């Protein structure tokens, strides 16, 4: 969550999303309310170039996630696919939620 907060509150992401900081905080709070704590039982590193991305991948693997939602698709796609995890942009993820 710390990584998501750091990324989603960057000026460039706020501009692209057209959300206010309060909106992002509200979304993050909603995610925290629904989130399931994942304990890391196996360290899969190194798989990715960015250490901060490694913890996201490990949480997804250990939590049996269906998808990683990121603006940074390129760094995750090949590796996540090996673990059966989709990599979606935020817009794609929202589209899937809206369909449900």
N, C-alpha and C. Protein backbone atom coordinates (compact mmCIF):
# COMPACT_ATOMS: atom_id res chain seq x y z
N UNK A 1 0.82 -1.19 0.00
CA UNK A 1 0.00 0.00 0.00
C UNK A 1 0.86 1.26 0.00
N UNK A 2 1.99 1.16 0.67
CA UNK A 2 2.89 2.32 0.71
C UNK A 2 3.36 2.67 -0.70
N UNK A 3 3.68 1.64 -1.48
CA UNK A 3 4.11 1.88 -2.86
C UNK A 3 2.98 2.48 -3.69
N UNK A 4 1.77 1.94 -3.55
CA UNK A 4 0.63 2.49 -4.30
C UNK A 4 0.38 3.94 -3.92
N UNK A 5 0.43 4.24 -2.64
CA UNK A 5 0.22 5.62 -2.20
C UNK A 5 1.29 6.54 -2.78
N UNK A 6 2.53 6.12 -2.74
CA UNK A 6 3.62 6.94 -3.27
C UNK A 6 3.45 7.21 -4.76
N UNK A 7 3.03 6.20 -5.49
CA UNK A 7 2.88 6.35 -6.94
C UNK A 7 1.62 7.14 -7.29
N UNK A 8 0.49 6.78 -6.69
CA UNK A 8 -0.77 7.42 -7.06
C UNK A 8 -0.86 8.89 -6.68
N UNK A 9 -0.03 9.32 -5.74
CA UNK A 9 -0.06 10.72 -5.33
C UNK A 9 0.99 11.57 -6.05
N UNK A 10 1.71 10.98 -6.99
CA UNK A 10 2.65 11.76 -7.80
C UNK A 10 1.86 12.72 -8.67
N UNK A 11 2.43 13.90 -8.86
CA UNK A 11 1.76 14.94 -9.65
C UNK A 11 1.33 14.44 -11.03
N UNK A 12 2.22 13.71 -11.71
CA UNK A 12 1.90 13.26 -13.07
C UNK A 12 0.72 12.27 -13.08
N UNK A 13 0.59 11.46 -12.05
CA UNK A 13 -0.53 10.52 -11.99
C UNK A 13 -1.82 11.21 -11.59
N UNK A 14 -1.72 12.20 -10.74
CA UNK A 14 -2.91 12.98 -10.40
C UNK A 14 -3.44 13.72 -11.63
N UNK A 15 -2.51 14.25 -12.43
CA UNK A 15 -2.92 14.95 -13.66
C UNK A 15 -3.62 14.00 -14.62
N UNK A 16 -3.03 12.84 -14.87
CA UNK A 16 -3.58 11.87 -15.81
C UNK A 16 -4.94 11.36 -15.34
N UNK A 17 -5.05 11.08 -14.06
CA UNK A 17 -6.29 10.52 -13.53
C UNK A 17 -7.37 11.58 -13.35
N UNK A 18 -6.94 12.84 -13.34
CA UNK A 18 -7.85 13.97 -13.10
C UNK A 18 -8.55 13.84 -11.75
N UNK A 19 -7.84 13.25 -10.78
CA UNK A 19 -8.35 13.12 -9.42
C UNK A 19 -7.63 14.08 -8.50
N UNK A 20 -8.34 14.52 -7.47
CA UNK A 20 -7.73 15.34 -6.43
C UNK A 20 -7.06 14.40 -5.44
N UNK A 21 -6.14 14.93 -4.67
CA UNK A 21 -5.44 14.14 -3.66
C UNK A 21 -6.43 13.49 -2.70
N UNK A 22 -7.48 14.21 -2.32
CA UNK A 22 -8.52 13.65 -1.43
C UNK A 22 -9.20 12.45 -2.06
N UNK A 23 -9.41 12.51 -3.38
CA UNK A 23 -10.04 11.37 -4.08
C UNK A 23 -9.15 10.14 -4.03
N UNK A 24 -7.86 10.34 -4.26
CA UNK A 24 -6.91 9.23 -4.23
C UNK A 24 -6.85 8.64 -2.83
N UNK A 25 -6.82 9.49 -1.82
CA UNK A 25 -6.80 9.00 -0.44
C UNK A 25 -8.05 8.19 -0.12
N UNK A 26 -9.17 8.63 -0.63
CA UNK A 26 -10.43 7.90 -0.42
C UNK A 26 -10.38 6.53 -1.09
N UNK A 27 -9.85 6.48 -2.30
CA UNK A 27 -9.72 5.21 -3.02
C UNK A 27 -8.77 4.28 -2.27
N UNK A 28 -7.64 4.81 -1.82
CA UNK A 28 -6.68 3.99 -1.07
C UNK A 28 -7.29 3.47 0.22
N UNK A 29 -8.06 4.31 0.91
CA UNK A 29 -8.73 3.86 2.14
C UNK A 29 -9.72 2.75 1.84
N UNK A 30 -10.43 2.85 0.73
CA UNK A 30 -11.37 1.79 0.35
C UNK A 30 -10.64 0.48 0.05
N UNK A 31 -9.51 0.59 -0.63
CA UNK A 31 -8.72 -0.60 -0.92
C UNK A 31 -8.24 -1.24 0.39
N UNK A 32 -7.78 -0.41 1.33
CA UNK A 32 -7.30 -0.94 2.61
C UNK A 32 -8.41 -1.67 3.37
N UNK A 33 -9.62 -1.18 3.26
CA UNK A 33 -10.74 -1.82 3.94
C UNK A 33 -11.05 -3.20 3.36
N UNK A 34 -10.78 -3.38 2.08
CA UNK A 34 -11.09 -4.64 1.41
C UNK A 34 -9.87 -5.55 1.28
N UNK A 35 -8.70 -5.02 1.53
CA UNK A 35 -7.46 -5.75 1.30
C UNK A 35 -7.29 -6.91 2.28
N UNK A 36 -6.56 -7.89 1.83
CA UNK A 36 -6.21 -9.04 2.65
C UNK A 36 -4.70 -9.00 2.85
N UNK A 37 -4.28 -9.07 4.10
CA UNK A 37 -2.84 -9.06 4.38
C UNK A 37 -2.21 -10.32 3.81
N UNK A 38 -1.09 -10.13 3.14
CA UNK A 38 -0.37 -11.25 2.54
C UNK A 38 0.99 -11.36 3.21
N UNK A 39 1.23 -12.50 3.76
CA UNK A 39 2.54 -12.77 4.36
C UNK A 39 3.44 -13.38 3.27
N UNK A 40 4.63 -12.88 3.20
CA UNK A 40 5.57 -13.36 2.20
C UNK A 40 6.25 -14.62 2.76
N UNK A 41 6.00 -15.75 2.12
CA UNK A 41 6.57 -17.01 2.56
C UNK A 41 7.75 -17.44 1.70
N UNK A 42 7.87 -16.84 0.57
CA UNK A 42 8.94 -17.21 -0.33
C UNK A 42 9.42 -15.96 -1.04
N UNK A 43 10.68 -15.78 -1.08
CA UNK A 43 11.25 -14.62 -1.73
C UNK A 43 11.62 -14.99 -3.17
N UNK A 44 10.94 -14.39 -4.12
CA UNK A 44 11.11 -14.70 -5.54
C UNK A 44 12.20 -13.85 -6.20
N UNK A 45 12.83 -12.98 -5.45
CA UNK A 45 13.79 -12.04 -6.02
C UNK A 45 15.07 -12.72 -6.44
N UNK A 46 15.75 -12.13 -7.41
CA UNK A 46 15.34 -10.99 -8.24
C UNK A 46 14.59 -11.44 -9.49
N UNK A 47 13.55 -10.74 -9.82
CA UNK A 47 12.78 -10.98 -11.04
C UNK A 47 12.69 -9.71 -11.89
N UNK A 48 12.69 -8.55 -11.23
CA UNK A 48 12.45 -7.28 -11.90
C UNK A 48 13.61 -6.32 -11.70
N UNK A 49 13.64 -5.27 -12.48
CA UNK A 49 14.69 -4.26 -12.39
C UNK A 49 14.54 -3.37 -11.15
N UNK A 50 13.30 -3.02 -10.81
CA UNK A 50 13.01 -2.06 -9.73
C UNK A 50 12.69 -2.80 -8.44
N UNK A 51 13.43 -2.53 -7.37
CA UNK A 51 13.20 -3.19 -6.09
C UNK A 51 11.79 -2.96 -5.57
N UNK A 52 11.26 -1.76 -5.77
CA UNK A 52 9.89 -1.47 -5.31
C UNK A 52 8.87 -2.33 -6.06
N UNK A 53 9.14 -2.64 -7.33
CA UNK A 53 8.25 -3.52 -8.09
C UNK A 53 8.34 -4.96 -7.58
N UNK A 54 9.50 -5.35 -7.08
CA UNK A 54 9.68 -6.71 -6.57
C UNK A 54 8.69 -7.02 -5.45
N UNK A 55 8.49 -6.05 -4.52
CA UNK A 55 7.58 -6.32 -3.41
C UNK A 55 6.14 -6.42 -3.89
N UNK A 56 5.80 -5.70 -4.93
CA UNK A 56 4.46 -5.80 -5.50
C UNK A 56 4.27 -7.18 -6.14
N UNK A 57 5.25 -7.63 -6.90
CA UNK A 57 5.18 -8.94 -7.52
C UNK A 57 5.10 -10.04 -6.46
N UNK A 58 5.93 -9.96 -5.43
CA UNK A 58 5.91 -10.98 -4.38
C UNK A 58 4.56 -11.04 -3.67
N UNK A 59 3.99 -9.88 -3.38
CA UNK A 59 2.66 -9.85 -2.74
C UNK A 59 1.62 -10.48 -3.66
N UNK A 60 1.71 -10.20 -4.95
CA UNK A 60 0.75 -10.76 -5.91
C UNK A 60 0.90 -12.28 -6.00
N UNK A 61 2.12 -12.76 -6.04
CA UNK A 61 2.36 -14.21 -6.12
C UNK A 61 1.85 -14.89 -4.86
N UNK A 62 2.27 -14.41 -3.71
CA UNK A 62 1.91 -15.04 -2.44
C UNK A 62 0.44 -14.87 -2.10
N UNK A 63 -0.18 -13.82 -2.60
CA UNK A 63 -1.60 -13.59 -2.34
C UNK A 63 -2.50 -14.21 -3.39
N UNK A 64 -1.91 -14.92 -4.35
CA UNK A 64 -2.68 -15.56 -5.42
C UNK A 64 -3.56 -14.54 -6.15
N UNK A 65 -2.97 -13.39 -6.45
CA UNK A 65 -3.69 -12.32 -7.13
C UNK A 65 -4.02 -12.69 -8.56
N UNK A 66 -5.15 -12.21 -9.02
CA UNK A 66 -5.53 -12.39 -10.42
C UNK A 66 -4.80 -11.39 -11.30
N UNK A 67 -4.52 -10.20 -10.74
CA UNK A 67 -3.93 -9.15 -11.57
C UNK A 67 -3.10 -8.18 -10.73
N UNK A 68 -2.16 -7.56 -11.39
CA UNK A 68 -1.43 -6.41 -10.86
C UNK A 68 -1.93 -5.21 -11.65
N UNK A 69 -2.38 -4.18 -10.95
CA UNK A 69 -2.88 -2.97 -11.59
C UNK A 69 -1.77 -1.93 -11.53
N UNK A 70 -1.34 -1.46 -12.70
CA UNK A 70 -0.20 -0.54 -12.74
C UNK A 70 -0.18 0.27 -14.02
N UNK A 71 0.40 1.46 -13.93
CA UNK A 71 0.70 2.24 -15.13
C UNK A 71 1.98 1.71 -15.77
N UNK A 72 2.73 0.93 -15.02
CA UNK A 72 4.05 0.44 -15.40
C UNK A 72 3.96 -0.99 -15.93
N UNK A 73 3.16 -1.19 -16.93
CA UNK A 73 2.90 -2.54 -17.44
C UNK A 73 4.12 -3.22 -18.01
N UNK A 74 4.95 -2.49 -18.69
CA UNK A 74 6.09 -3.06 -19.40
C UNK A 74 7.01 -3.84 -18.46
N UNK A 75 7.26 -3.30 -17.27
CA UNK A 75 8.19 -3.95 -16.34
C UNK A 75 7.63 -5.23 -15.73
N UNK A 76 6.31 -5.39 -15.73
CA UNK A 76 5.68 -6.54 -15.09
C UNK A 76 5.21 -7.63 -16.04
N UNK A 77 4.84 -7.30 -17.26
CA UNK A 77 4.09 -8.22 -18.12
C UNK A 77 4.73 -9.59 -18.30
N UNK A 78 5.96 -9.67 -18.71
CA UNK A 78 6.58 -10.96 -18.97
C UNK A 78 6.69 -11.82 -17.72
N UNK A 79 7.12 -11.22 -16.65
CA UNK A 79 7.32 -11.96 -15.40
C UNK A 79 5.99 -12.37 -14.79
N UNK A 80 5.04 -11.47 -14.69
CA UNK A 80 3.75 -11.77 -14.08
C UNK A 80 3.04 -12.89 -14.82
N UNK A 81 3.15 -12.89 -16.14
CA UNK A 81 2.52 -13.92 -16.95
C UNK A 81 3.04 -15.31 -16.58
N UNK A 82 4.33 -15.41 -16.26
CA UNK A 82 4.91 -16.69 -15.84
C UNK A 82 4.24 -17.25 -14.59
N UNK A 83 3.69 -16.35 -13.77
CA UNK A 83 3.02 -16.76 -12.53
C UNK A 83 1.50 -16.78 -12.69
N UNK A 84 1.00 -16.59 -13.92
CA UNK A 84 -0.43 -16.62 -14.16
C UNK A 84 -1.17 -15.39 -13.67
N UNK A 85 -0.47 -14.27 -13.59
CA UNK A 85 -1.05 -13.02 -13.10
C UNK A 85 -1.19 -12.04 -14.27
N UNK A 86 -2.38 -11.50 -14.45
CA UNK A 86 -2.59 -10.48 -15.48
C UNK A 86 -1.96 -9.17 -15.03
N UNK A 87 -1.59 -8.35 -15.99
CA UNK A 87 -1.12 -7.00 -15.72
C UNK A 87 -2.06 -6.06 -16.44
N UNK A 88 -2.75 -5.23 -15.67
CA UNK A 88 -3.77 -4.33 -16.22
C UNK A 88 -3.46 -2.89 -15.91
N UNK A 89 -3.83 -2.01 -16.81
CA UNK A 89 -3.76 -0.58 -16.51
C UNK A 89 -4.92 -0.26 -15.57
N UNK A 90 -4.86 0.86 -14.87
CA UNK A 90 -5.98 1.23 -14.01
C UNK A 90 -7.30 1.33 -14.79
N UNK A 91 -7.27 1.84 -16.01
CA UNK A 91 -8.49 1.96 -16.81
C UNK A 91 -9.07 0.58 -17.13
N UNK A 92 -8.20 -0.36 -17.49
CA UNK A 92 -8.66 -1.73 -17.78
C UNK A 92 -9.27 -2.37 -16.53
N UNK A 93 -8.64 -2.15 -15.39
CA UNK A 93 -9.16 -2.73 -14.15
C UNK A 93 -10.53 -2.15 -13.80
N UNK A 94 -10.68 -0.84 -13.96
CA UNK A 94 -11.99 -0.22 -13.70
C UNK A 94 -13.03 -0.74 -14.65
N UNK A 95 -12.65 -0.97 -15.91
CA UNK A 95 -13.59 -1.53 -16.88
C UNK A 95 -14.06 -2.91 -16.47
N UNK A 96 -13.18 -3.71 -15.92
CA UNK A 96 -13.56 -5.05 -15.45
C UNK A 96 -14.47 -4.97 -14.24
N UNK A 97 -14.23 -4.02 -13.35
CA UNK A 97 -15.07 -3.84 -12.18
C UNK A 97 -16.47 -3.39 -12.61
N UNK A 98 -16.53 -2.47 -13.56
CA UNK A 98 -17.81 -1.96 -14.03
C UNK A 98 -18.64 -3.06 -14.69
N UNK A 99 -17.98 -4.03 -15.32
CA UNK A 99 -18.69 -5.12 -15.99
C UNK A 99 -19.34 -6.07 -14.99
N UNK A 100 -18.82 -6.13 -13.78
CA UNK A 100 -19.36 -7.02 -12.75
C UNK A 100 -20.55 -6.40 -12.17
